[in-house]
Amino acid sequence: MAQFDADGQYVTAVAPIVEDPLVAGTDLSGKKFTIQIRTVASFTALAWIFSNTGPTFDSALSSGAALTTADWASQELDLTQPAAPYDPSDMRFLGVLIQSGMGCVHGSHTFYVDTAVIADAP
């Protein structure tokens, strides 16, 4: 659940994918990370997958998906063709960013993330 009091606010859910992300990452080169995400109430928002690599936590972001009531939105972060300095061979964090849109209904909103999969790219 997240509280939004204005347009353009955001919340993140972050998962370190290694025991100590300050020390080393894991190799996800050639992989794709996908999730399904939805909201349960009327809410105008966008959702992205993001990740951080290396000791300076260089970032990558998927294209945004609009969230609508009761509809699952699919997101994919393709790690097969990274742009330097982003390095999927040293992955530290994966997460979801949700940003309130223009004219969103302010208040508390519940989000669900399901079917998070890291798989080899075809």
Protein backbone atom coordinates (compact mmCIF):
# COMPACT_ATOMS: atom_id res chain seq x y z
CA MET A 1 0.00 0.00 0.00
CA ALA A 2 1.25 3.49 -0.82
CA GLN A 3 0.02 6.98 0.02
CA PHE A 4 -0.15 9.57 -2.79
CA ASP A 5 -0.99 13.19 -1.97
CA ALA A 6 -0.11 14.83 -5.31
CA ASP A 7 0.44 14.10 -8.98
CA GLY A 8 3.95 12.93 -9.89
CA GLN A 9 4.78 11.25 -6.57
CA TYR A 10 6.34 7.81 -6.65
CA VAL A 11 6.95 4.74 -4.55
CA THR A 12 9.43 1.93 -5.14
CA ALA A 13 9.62 -1.69 -4.10
CA VAL A 14 13.24 -2.82 -4.25
CA ALA A 15 14.76 -6.29 -3.95
CA PRO A 16 18.48 -6.77 -3.49
CA ILE A 17 19.33 -9.89 -5.48
CA VAL A 18 22.62 -10.62 -3.73
CA GLU A 19 23.49 -11.04 -0.07
CA ASP A 20 25.47 -7.79 0.15
CA PRO A 21 24.81 -5.42 -2.79
CA LEU A 22 27.55 -3.07 -1.59
CA VAL A 23 30.18 -5.76 -2.21
CA ALA A 24 29.26 -7.61 -5.43
CA GLY A 25 26.45 -8.38 -7.83
CA THR A 26 25.26 -11.37 -9.80
CA ASP A 27 25.50 -11.99 -13.53
CA LEU A 28 22.17 -11.52 -15.34
CA SER A 29 23.69 -10.90 -18.78
CA GLY A 30 21.45 -12.13 -21.58
CA LYS A 31 18.39 -12.32 -19.32
CA LYS A 32 14.97 -10.67 -19.33
CA PHE A 33 13.10 -9.71 -16.17
CA THR A 34 9.31 -9.59 -16.40
CA ILE A 35 6.53 -8.85 -13.93
CA GLN A 36 2.78 -8.43 -13.85
CA ILE A 37 1.47 -5.46 -11.82
CA ARG A 38 -1.94 -3.98 -11.07
CA THR A 39 -3.83 -1.62 -8.76
CA VAL A 40 -7.15 -2.44 -7.09
CA ALA A 41 -8.83 0.99 -7.14
CA SER A 42 -9.34 3.81 -9.59
CA PHE A 43 -5.88 5.31 -9.95
CA THR A 44 -3.94 6.96 -12.75
CA ALA A 45 -0.35 5.75 -12.61
CA LEU A 46 2.60 4.39 -14.53
CA ALA A 47 4.83 1.50 -13.49
CA TRP A 48 8.39 0.66 -14.49
CA ILE A 49 10.92 -2.04 -13.68
CA PHE A 50 14.29 -0.62 -12.71
CA SER A 51 17.62 -2.16 -11.83
CA ASN A 52 21.00 -1.06 -10.54
CA THR A 53 24.40 -2.48 -11.43
CA GLY A 54 27.95 -2.10 -10.23
CA PRO A 55 29.39 -0.26 -7.24
CA THR A 56 27.96 3.08 -8.47
CA PHE A 57 24.46 1.57 -8.94
CA ASP A 58 24.11 2.53 -12.62
CA SER A 59 20.42 2.29 -13.59
CA ALA A 60 18.23 0.89 -16.33
CA LEU A 61 14.49 1.45 -16.67
CA SER A 62 11.87 -0.42 -18.69
CA SER A 63 9.30 1.41 -20.78
CA GLY A 64 6.37 2.51 -18.61
CA ALA A 65 3.06 0.67 -18.38
CA ALA A 66 -0.21 2.39 -17.51
CA LEU A 67 -2.01 0.93 -14.52
CA THR A 68 -5.79 0.69 -14.52
CA THR A 69 -8.23 -0.89 -12.11
CA ALA A 70 -8.16 -4.67 -12.06
CA ASP A 71 -6.10 -4.94 -15.25
CA TRP A 72 -2.72 -6.65 -15.04
CA ALA A 73 0.02 -4.70 -16.82
CA SER A 74 3.06 -6.57 -18.07
CA GLN A 75 6.53 -5.06 -17.79
CA GLU A 76 9.81 -6.36 -19.19
CA LEU A 77 13.38 -5.23 -18.63
CA ASP A 78 15.63 -6.60 -21.38
CA LEU A 79 19.20 -7.06 -20.13
CA THR A 80 20.58 -8.35 -23.44
CA GLN A 81 21.78 -5.05 -24.95
CA PRO A 82 22.89 -2.76 -22.13
CA ALA A 83 24.26 0.74 -22.66
CA ALA A 84 27.48 1.51 -20.75
CA PRO A 85 28.11 2.08 -17.90
CA TYR A 86 25.12 -0.16 -17.01
CA ASP A 87 26.49 -3.71 -16.57
CA PRO A 88 24.04 -6.64 -16.13
CA SER A 89 26.98 -8.92 -15.27
CA ASP A 90 27.14 -7.07 -11.92
CA MET A 91 23.42 -6.77 -10.98
CA ARG A 92 22.78 -5.43 -7.46
CA PHE A 93 19.04 -4.52 -7.27
CA LEU A 94 15.78 -5.11 -9.14
CA GLY A 95 12.64 -3.15 -8.35
CA VAL A 96 9.34 -1.62 -9.40
CA LEU A 97 8.66 2.12 -9.50
CA ILE A 98 5.06 3.40 -9.46
CA GLN A 99 4.38 7.07 -10.19
CA SER A 100 1.05 8.84 -9.70
CA GLY A 101 -0.28 10.40 -12.88
CA MET A 102 -2.01 13.67 -13.65
CA GLY A 103 -5.37 13.88 -11.91
CA CYS A 104 -4.81 10.78 -9.81
CA VAL A 105 -7.16 10.08 -6.91
CA HIS A 106 -5.11 11.02 -3.85
CA GLY A 107 -4.99 8.72 -0.84
CA SER A 108 -3.84 5.18 -0.06
CA HIS A 109 -3.61 2.71 -2.93
CA THR A 110 -2.82 -0.99 -3.00
CA PHE A 111 -0.68 -2.54 -5.73
CA TYR A 112 0.01 -6.17 -6.56
CA VAL A 113 3.13 -7.51 -8.25
CA ASP A 114 2.93 -11.08 -9.52
CA THR A 115 4.77 -13.51 -11.73
CA ALA A 116 8.21 -11.91 -11.40
CA VAL A 117 10.50 -14.00 -13.65
CA ILE A 118 14.15 -13.78 -14.64
CA ALA A 119 14.62 -15.88 -17.78
CA ASP A 120 17.04 -16.39 -20.65
CA ALA A 121 16.27 -14.08 -23.55
CA PRO A 122 15.03 -15.89 -26.66
